[in-house]
Protein backbone atom coordinates (compact mmCIF):
# COMPACT_ATOMS: atom_id res chain seq x y z
CA MET A 1 15.16 -5.66 -20.49
CA PHE A 2 18.25 -4.25 -18.81
CA ARG A 3 20.34 -5.01 -21.89
CA SER A 4 17.97 -2.94 -23.99
CA TYR A 5 18.27 -0.11 -21.48
CA ILE A 6 22.06 -0.27 -21.42
CA GLY A 7 22.30 -0.30 -25.20
CA PHE A 8 19.78 2.50 -25.61
CA ALA A 9 21.37 4.64 -22.89
CA SER A 10 24.90 4.15 -24.19
CA LEU A 11 23.90 5.32 -27.66
CA ASN A 12 21.82 8.29 -26.51
CA TRP A 13 23.29 9.22 -23.12
CA GLN A 14 23.81 12.89 -23.96
CA GLN A 15 20.18 13.63 -24.86
CA LEU A 16 18.99 11.54 -21.91
CA LEU A 17 21.32 13.28 -19.47
CA PHE A 18 20.02 16.63 -20.67
CA GLY A 19 16.47 15.55 -19.92
CA ALA A 20 17.37 14.06 -16.54
CA LEU A 21 19.15 17.23 -15.42
CA LEU A 22 16.16 19.37 -16.39
CA MET A 23 13.85 17.04 -14.48
CA ALA A 24 16.06 17.46 -11.42
CA LEU A 25 16.17 21.26 -11.79
CA SER A 26 12.36 21.39 -11.93
CA SER A 27 12.52 20.59 -8.20
CA PHE A 28 12.96 24.26 -7.35
CA GLY A 29 9.33 24.75 -8.36
CA GLN A 30 7.97 21.43 -7.08
CA THR A 31 5.77 21.27 -3.98
CA TYR A 32 8.01 18.77 -2.21
CA PHE A 33 10.95 21.21 -2.29
CA VAL A 34 9.07 24.46 -1.68
CA SER A 35 7.32 22.91 1.34
CA VAL A 36 10.56 22.56 3.31
CA SER A 37 10.63 26.36 3.54
CA GLY A 38 7.06 26.52 4.81
CA SER A 39 7.84 27.24 8.45
CA TYR A 40 10.19 30.08 7.46
CA PHE A 41 7.53 31.61 5.21
CA ARG A 42 4.88 31.43 7.91
CA GLU A 43 7.15 33.10 10.45
CA ALA A 44 8.50 35.79 8.11
CA PHE A 45 5.11 36.87 6.76
CA SER A 46 2.90 36.07 9.79
CA LEU A 47 0.89 33.52 7.84
CA SER A 48 -1.20 30.69 9.20
CA ASP A 49 -1.10 27.26 7.59
CA GLY A 50 -4.27 28.16 5.72
CA GLY A 51 -2.89 31.54 4.70
CA LEU A 52 0.29 30.03 3.30
CA GLY A 53 -1.72 27.33 1.53
CA ALA A 54 -3.99 29.94 -0.05
CA THR A 55 -0.99 32.01 -1.17
CA TYR A 56 0.61 28.95 -2.73
CA ALA A 57 -2.66 27.88 -4.37
CA ALA A 58 -3.11 31.34 -5.92
CA GLY A 59 0.30 31.16 -7.57
CA THR A 60 -0.34 27.56 -8.65
CA PHE A 61 -3.68 28.27 -10.33
CA LEU A 62 -2.37 31.34 -12.15
CA SER A 63 0.63 29.38 -13.42
CA ALA A 64 -1.71 26.71 -14.79
CA LEU A 65 -3.59 29.34 -16.78
CA THR A 66 -0.35 30.64 -18.27
CA LEU A 67 1.16 27.23 -18.94
CA THR A 68 -1.36 26.33 -21.64
CA TRP A 69 -0.05 29.23 -23.74
CA ALA A 70 3.60 29.30 -22.69
CA GLY A 71 4.21 25.60 -23.22
CA ARG A 72 3.37 25.85 -26.91
CA LEU A 73 6.17 28.36 -27.53
CA ILE A 74 8.72 25.54 -27.58
CA ASP A 75 7.42 24.76 -31.08
CA TYR A 76 8.52 28.17 -32.39
CA THR A 77 12.14 28.17 -31.27
CA THR A 78 15.00 25.81 -30.56
CA VAL A 79 15.04 23.68 -27.42
CA ARG A 80 18.29 25.39 -26.41
CA ARG A 81 16.80 28.88 -26.50
CA PHE A 82 13.59 27.79 -24.83
CA THR A 83 15.54 26.09 -22.05
CA TRP A 84 17.49 29.28 -21.36
CA CYS A 85 14.26 31.27 -21.18
CA VAL A 86 12.79 28.79 -18.70
CA ALA A 87 15.99 28.84 -16.64
CA LEU A 88 15.97 32.62 -16.42
CA LEU A 89 12.31 32.54 -15.40
CA LEU A 90 12.93 29.97 -12.66
CA ALA A 91 16.05 31.74 -11.40
CA THR A 92 14.11 35.02 -11.24
CA ALA A 93 11.44 33.24 -9.22
CA CYS A 94 14.04 32.05 -6.71
CA ILE A 95 15.35 35.61 -6.37
CA LEU A 96 11.81 36.91 -5.84
CA VAL A 97 11.34 34.43 -3.01
CA SER A 98 14.59 35.63 -1.45
CA VAL A 99 13.67 39.33 -1.55
CA SER A 100 9.93 39.05 -0.80
CA ALA A 101 8.82 41.69 1.67
CA ASN A 102 5.21 40.54 2.12
CA PHE A 103 2.85 37.73 1.23
CA VAL A 104 1.78 39.44 -2.01
CA MET A 105 5.35 39.36 -3.32
CA LEU A 106 5.59 35.78 -2.12
CA ALA A 107 2.47 34.87 -4.11
CA VAL A 108 4.04 36.39 -7.23
CA ALA A 109 7.21 34.41 -6.55
CA PHE A 110 5.13 31.23 -6.17
CA TYR A 111 3.52 31.94 -9.53
CA PHE A 112 6.87 32.09 -11.30
CA LEU A 113 8.23 29.12 -9.33
CA ARG A 114 5.33 26.91 -10.32
CA LEU A 115 5.31 28.10 -13.93
CA GLY A 116 9.07 27.82 -14.43
CA GLY A 117 9.72 24.74 -12.29
CA GLN A 118 6.96 22.16 -12.19
CA GLY A 119 5.45 23.59 -15.36
CA LEU A 120 7.91 24.60 -18.07
CA MET A 121 11.13 22.91 -16.91
CA THR A 122 9.36 19.55 -16.74
CA HIS A 123 7.55 20.30 -19.98
CA THR A 124 10.82 21.06 -21.77
CA ALA A 125 12.49 17.86 -20.58
CA LEU A 126 9.59 15.58 -21.49
CA THR A 127 8.75 17.24 -24.79
CA ALA A 128 12.34 17.33 -26.05
CA THR A 129 12.90 13.71 -25.03
CA ALA A 130 9.69 12.36 -26.55
CA ARG A 131 10.39 14.18 -29.81
CA ALA A 132 13.91 12.79 -29.96
CA PHE A 133 12.78 9.19 -29.38
CA PRO A 134 9.20 8.78 -30.67
CA GLN A 135 9.63 5.02 -31.11
CA ASP A 136 11.36 4.51 -27.75
CA ALA A 137 9.53 7.13 -25.73
CA GLY A 138 8.78 4.72 -22.88
CA LYS A 139 12.42 3.86 -22.23
CA ALA A 140 13.62 7.42 -22.70
CA LEU A 141 11.01 9.02 -20.43
CA GLY A 142 11.54 6.36 -17.78
CA LEU A 143 15.26 7.06 -17.74
CA ILE A 144 15.05 10.84 -17.48
CA ALA A 145 12.48 10.49 -14.68
CA LEU A 146 15.35 9.20 -12.56
CA GLY A 147 16.68 12.76 -12.48
CA LEU A 148 13.67 13.87 -10.46
CA SER A 149 13.82 10.79 -8.24
CA VAL A 150 17.46 11.49 -7.34
CA ALA A 151 16.63 15.14 -6.68
CA GLN A 152 13.76 14.15 -4.39
CA GLY A 153 16.25 12.24 -2.27
CA LEU A 154 18.92 14.96 -2.16
CA PHE A 155 17.43 18.42 -2.63
CA PRO A 156 15.26 18.69 0.50
CA ILE A 157 18.18 17.73 2.74
CA ALA A 158 20.47 20.20 0.98
CA GLY A 159 17.82 22.91 1.15
CA VAL A 160 17.19 22.46 4.86
CA THR A 161 20.93 22.45 5.57
CA MET A 162 21.46 25.71 3.68
CA MET A 163 18.55 27.41 5.42
CA GLU A 164 19.74 26.32 8.86
CA HIS A 165 23.27 27.64 8.32
CA LEU A 166 22.77 30.58 5.96
CA GLY A 167 19.16 31.64 6.43
CA TRP A 168 16.25 30.99 4.07
CA ARG A 169 16.68 34.18 2.04
CA THR A 170 20.33 33.45 1.27
CA ALA A 171 19.46 29.83 0.50
CA TRP A 172 16.90 30.84 -2.11
CA MET A 173 19.36 33.28 -3.67
CA ILE A 174 21.80 30.40 -3.97
CA ASN A 175 19.03 28.31 -5.54
CA ALA A 176 18.82 30.90 -8.34
CA GLY A 177 22.51 30.42 -9.06
CA LEU A 178 22.11 26.64 -8.99
CA VAL A 179 19.39 26.84 -11.63
CA ILE A 180 21.61 28.81 -14.02
CA ALA A 181 24.63 26.61 -13.33
CA GLY A 182 22.59 23.43 -13.73
CA VAL A 183 21.09 24.48 -17.05
CA SER A 184 24.52 25.56 -18.31
CA VAL A 185 25.78 22.04 -17.63
CA ALA A 186 22.66 20.37 -19.06
CA LEU A 187 22.92 22.26 -22.35
CA ILE A 188 26.44 20.95 -22.87
CA PHE A 189 24.86 17.54 -23.46
CA LEU A 190 22.00 18.68 -25.72
CA PRO A 191 22.90 17.65 -29.29
CA ARG A 192 22.91 20.62 -31.64
CA PRO A 193 22.03 18.72 -34.85
CA GLY A 194 18.29 18.65 -35.33
CA ASP A 195 17.58 21.30 -32.69
CA GLN A 196 15.34 23.62 -34.64
CA ALA A 197 11.85 25.07 -34.48
CA ILE A 198 9.12 22.81 -35.85
CA ARG A 199 6.75 25.70 -36.54
CA SER A 200 7.07 29.25 -37.86
CA ARG A 201 4.95 32.27 -37.02
CA LYS A 202 4.83 32.94 -40.77
CA ASP A 203 3.39 29.53 -41.58
CA LYS A 204 -0.12 29.61 -42.94
CA PRO A 205 -2.69 27.72 -40.87
CA ARG A 206 -3.09 24.18 -42.06
CA LYS A 207 -5.76 21.59 -41.58
CA GLY A 208 -3.82 19.96 -38.76
CA ASP A 209 -3.47 23.30 -36.96
CA GLN A 210 -7.21 23.86 -37.19
CA LYS A 211 -7.77 20.44 -35.66
CA ALA A 212 -5.42 21.28 -32.82
CA LYS A 213 -7.48 24.35 -31.98
CA ALA A 214 -10.34 21.96 -31.25
CA LEU A 215 -8.20 19.97 -28.86
CA TRP A 216 -10.59 20.21 -25.96
CA ARG A 217 -13.38 18.74 -28.11
CA ASP A 218 -11.31 15.66 -28.93
CA ALA A 219 -12.95 12.59 -27.37
CA ARG A 220 -9.61 10.83 -26.90
CA LEU A 221 -8.30 13.59 -24.68
CA LEU A 222 -11.54 14.13 -22.76
CA LEU A 223 -11.93 10.44 -21.92
CA THR A 224 -8.28 10.06 -20.95
CA LEU A 225 -7.95 13.16 -18.74
CA PRO A 226 -9.87 11.82 -15.70
CA ALA A 227 -7.37 8.98 -15.44
CA VAL A 228 -4.28 11.10 -16.16
CA LEU A 229 -5.28 13.72 -13.56
CA ALA A 230 -6.24 11.16 -10.90
CA GLY A 231 -2.65 10.63 -9.73
CA PRO A 232 -1.65 14.29 -9.24
CA PHE A 233 -4.95 15.05 -7.50
CA ILE A 234 -5.05 12.09 -5.11
CA VAL A 235 -1.34 11.79 -4.29
CA THR A 236 -0.84 15.52 -3.69
CA GLY A 237 -3.93 15.71 -1.51
CA PHE A 238 -2.98 12.81 0.75
CA PHE A 239 0.65 13.90 0.93
CA PHE A 240 -0.40 17.41 1.92
CA HIS A 241 -2.60 16.04 4.71
CA GLN A 242 -0.21 13.31 5.88
CA ALA A 243 -0.01 14.69 9.42
CA ARG A 244 -3.80 14.69 9.73
CA LEU A 245 -3.98 11.21 8.22
CA ALA A 246 -1.46 9.91 10.76
CA GLU A 247 -3.49 11.49 13.55
CA GLN A 248 -6.75 9.95 12.36
CA LYS A 249 -5.16 6.54 11.86
CA GLY A 250 -3.15 6.61 15.10
CA TRP A 251 0.17 6.24 13.29
CA ASP A 252 3.52 7.49 14.54
CA ILE A 253 4.78 10.30 12.32
CA SER A 254 8.13 8.50 11.93
CA THR A 255 6.27 5.66 10.21
CA VAL A 256 4.91 8.13 7.68
CA ALA A 257 8.35 9.67 7.12
CA ALA A 258 9.89 6.26 6.46
CA SER A 259 7.10 5.47 4.03
CA PHE A 260 8.07 8.46 1.89
CA ALA A 261 11.47 6.85 1.32
CA ALA A 262 9.73 3.69 0.14
CA PHE A 263 7.59 5.80 -2.20
CA ALA A 264 10.65 7.46 -3.79
CA ILE A 265 12.55 4.20 -4.27
CA VAL A 266 9.63 2.28 -5.75
CA GLN A 267 8.70 5.16 -8.05
CA ALA A 268 12.25 5.30 -9.41
CA VAL A 269 12.44 1.55 -10.01
CA ALA A 270 8.98 1.38 -11.56
CA SER A 271 9.77 4.28 -13.92
CA VAL A 272 12.68 2.34 -15.35
CA VAL A 273 10.91 -1.01 -15.54
CA ILE A 274 7.79 0.29 -17.26
CA GLY A 275 9.59 2.00 -20.16
CA PRO A 276 10.26 -1.06 -22.36
CA ILE A 277 6.79 -2.41 -21.58
CA ILE A 278 5.17 0.77 -22.90
CA ASP A 279 7.29 0.63 -26.04
CA LYS A 280 6.43 -3.04 -26.61
CA ILE A 281 2.65 -3.15 -26.06
CA GLY A 282 1.79 0.53 -26.57
CA PRO A 283 0.56 3.15 -24.10
CA LYS A 284 -3.12 2.70 -25.03
CA SER A 285 -3.03 -0.91 -23.84
CA LEU A 286 -1.88 0.17 -20.38
CA LEU A 287 -4.41 2.96 -19.98
CA PRO A 288 -7.17 0.90 -18.32
CA VAL A 289 -4.84 -0.77 -15.80
CA PHE A 290 -2.18 1.74 -14.73
CA LEU A 291 -4.40 3.20 -11.97
CA LEU A 292 -5.35 -0.16 -10.44
CA PRO A 293 -2.49 -0.10 -7.87
CA GLN A 294 -3.68 3.36 -6.79
CA ALA A 295 -7.26 2.11 -6.51
CA LEU A 296 -6.04 -0.72 -4.29
CA ALA A 297 -4.04 1.76 -2.21
CA MET A 298 -7.15 3.87 -1.61
CA LEU A 299 -9.18 0.77 -0.74
CA VAL A 300 -6.79 -0.51 1.92
CA LEU A 301 -6.27 3.00 3.27
CA GLY A 302 -10.02 3.41 3.63
CA LEU A 303 -10.64 0.06 5.31
CA VAL A 304 -7.53 -0.63 7.42
CA SER A 305 -5.82 1.49 10.10
CA ALA A 306 -2.87 -0.74 11.07
CA PRO A 307 0.53 1.03 10.87
CA TRP A 308 1.80 -1.36 8.19
CA ILE A 309 -0.74 0.16 5.80
CA ALA A 310 1.32 3.38 5.60
CA PRO A 311 4.20 1.94 3.52
CA VAL A 312 1.84 -0.38 1.63
CA TYR A 313 -0.41 2.39 0.36
CA MET A 314 2.61 4.60 -0.42
CA VAL A 315 4.25 1.86 -2.49
CA LEU A 316 1.06 1.15 -4.43
CA MET A 317 0.61 4.83 -5.21
CA ALA A 318 4.25 5.06 -6.28
CA VAL A 319 3.69 2.31 -8.87
CA SER A 320 0.72 4.12 -10.43
CA MET A 321 2.50 7.49 -10.34
CA ALA A 322 5.54 6.02 -12.10
CA LEU A 323 3.33 4.37 -14.71
CA GLY A 324 1.29 7.53 -15.23
CA SER A 325 4.20 9.96 -15.53
CA THR A 326 5.92 7.85 -18.19
CA LEU A 327 2.75 6.67 -19.90
CA ALA A 328 1.14 10.08 -20.41
CA THR A 329 3.73 11.69 -22.69
CA ALA A 330 4.17 8.45 -24.68
CA LEU A 331 0.39 8.35 -25.06
CA TRP A 332 0.22 11.88 -26.48
CA VAL A 333 2.87 10.96 -29.05
CA ASP A 334 0.87 7.86 -29.97
CA LEU A 335 -2.47 9.65 -30.23
CA PHE A 336 -1.52 13.06 -31.62
CA GLY A 337 1.98 12.75 -33.09
CA THR A 338 5.14 14.65 -32.24
CA ARG A 339 4.05 17.79 -34.10
CA GLU A 340 1.18 18.37 -31.67
CA LEU A 341 3.06 17.14 -28.60
CA ALA A 342 3.91 20.53 -27.11
CA ARG A 343 0.36 21.81 -27.59
CA VAL A 344 -1.19 18.74 -25.95
CA ARG A 345 1.38 18.42 -23.17
CA SER A 346 1.13 22.05 -22.12
CA SER A 347 -2.65 21.84 -21.91
CA VAL A 348 -2.62 18.61 -19.94
CA GLU A 349 0.21 19.82 -17.70
CA ALA A 350 -1.90 22.87 -16.85
CA GLY A 351 -4.67 20.51 -15.81
CA MET A 352 -2.24 18.58 -13.63
CA VAL A 353 -1.09 21.76 -11.92
CA VAL A 354 -4.69 22.73 -11.21
CA ALA A 355 -5.46 19.24 -9.90
CA SER A 356 -2.46 19.22 -7.59
CA GLY A 357 -3.34 22.68 -6.32
CA ALA A 358 -7.03 21.96 -5.81
CA SER A 359 -6.83 18.67 -3.93
CA PRO A 360 -5.29 19.99 -0.67
CA ILE A 361 -7.98 22.65 -0.47
CA MET A 362 -10.87 20.30 -1.31
CA MET A 363 -9.71 17.57 1.05
CA GLY A 364 -9.10 20.12 3.77
CA LEU A 365 -12.65 21.46 3.43
CA LEU A 366 -14.01 17.92 3.64
CA ILE A 367 -11.98 17.32 6.80
CA ASP A 368 -13.39 20.52 8.28
CA ALA A 369 -16.87 19.24 7.39
CA GLY A 370 -16.27 16.10 9.44
CA ILE A 371 -15.49 13.67 6.59
CA PRO A 372 -12.38 11.66 7.61
CA LEU A 373 -9.63 10.88 5.15
CA SER A 374 -10.53 7.17 5.28
CA TRP A 375 -13.91 7.95 3.76
CA GLN A 376 -12.28 10.24 1.23
CA ALA A 377 -9.90 7.42 0.27
CA LEU A 378 -12.86 5.14 -0.52
CA GLY A 379 -14.35 7.90 -2.67
CA CYS A 380 -11.03 8.23 -4.51
CA CYS A 381 -11.02 4.46 -5.06
CA VAL A 382 -14.41 4.62 -6.76
CA TYR A 383 -13.36 7.61 -8.87
CA THR A 384 -10.17 5.85 -9.96
CA LEU A 385 -12.07 2.77 -11.14
CA ILE A 386 -14.56 4.88 -13.09
CA ALA A 387 -11.73 6.88 -14.71
CA SER A 388 -10.00 3.63 -15.70
CA ALA A 389 -13.19 2.28 -17.24
CA LEU A 390 -13.55 5.40 -19.40
CA THR A 391 -10.16 4.78 -21.01
CA LEU A 392 -11.37 1.45 -22.41
CA TRP A 393 -13.15 3.42 -25.13
CA VAL A 394 -9.89 5.09 -26.16
CA ARG A 395 -8.12 1.75 -26.38
CA ARG A 396 -10.82 -0.02 -28.35
CA LYS A 397 -11.63 2.61 -30.94
CA SER A 398 -9.34 2.84 -33.92
CA SER A 399 -7.65 6.13 -34.71
CA GLU A 400 -9.64 6.35 -37.96
CA GLU A 401 -12.93 6.28 -36.05
CA ILE A 402 -12.12 9.07 -33.62
CA GLY A 403 -9.88 11.28 -35.77
CA GLN A 404 -6.12 11.27 -36.13
CA TYR A 405 -3.23 13.67 -35.72
CA ASP A 406 -0.09 12.62 -37.51
CA ASP A 407 3.37 14.10 -37.49
CA GLU A 408 2.78 16.02 -40.73
CA GLY A 409 -0.27 17.80 -39.34
CA ARG A 410 -2.59 16.43 -42.04
């Protein structure tokens, strides 16, 4: 397995490095990075925890609505131009955070952060990589995912250090410069040959394009979405309420903090390991089983309160998250073809953004209603198993029976 990775990476290291750098730069719009500034935002704008959460959720939901449209634009230009547009958007968002005078401006900044960072920067990296390696999408996507894993280990520490020494406004202004500098470096490694638009605004609508307009009526997508969205919803919700979970379970907060490190390490390793497996047996074969570690995590979290459960449930969730993040894009290539990849990915990514924004609010309301997180975990376990069962239909049915999108759009 490692030989195949080494050979593949050595032949295609430039394209892969481009994707990995973009995945790392998406961190400036990811929840894990933005959250380290939370205390500064609350103090500067006199916001409660709920007020800050609502402000962040507003920006998140609006970005999801925009992402469905904006993500498709990568089809109508080169990856290089699209990447620059996304970089300028994300850098502008960082500047808006820096100069925000009230919570309304902060909400606008959150909107651009989420759209440019978690949304379009990730979308660009995954779409460009999957298009470049349709037959080896598993390996390629697993490798570029390491860019985000490395950033998760380094960026929060760097961000906190800058804010402590320079102030949070200066730190976010510097972040804007880092985005531009990072993209400038990344684009050095993007191969120019083959970088061209795959659609034209002047093209006449074709049969394949008409099919794509009916995307949300496609049974393959509808039956797969509950499973694909399960990870972002459940993981984000439990991460957001980690302090409350530790309180309810009687865990020391240091135990939870150490468990995050285990999550990051296991997710990185699993992302690499799963790539060749996806390429060998196909993403549809893994659909019914990739959420089983997460289901087990929710089961043990719901039934056991011992401190050792903290790293165990984190590790199990990390496995499913790694499988899901690599599997999803490879699945869209398999089901819909590379021509429809941007259209499908942008729509699904919007759903992921909504799911990750909704879960903290929904779980918080349930906590307020007296439903402990242990009970919620058992409910998530049941949901995960049902979502996995639904994907069996997608795996069993042939593409001829449920409709097919191929690369030519026929």
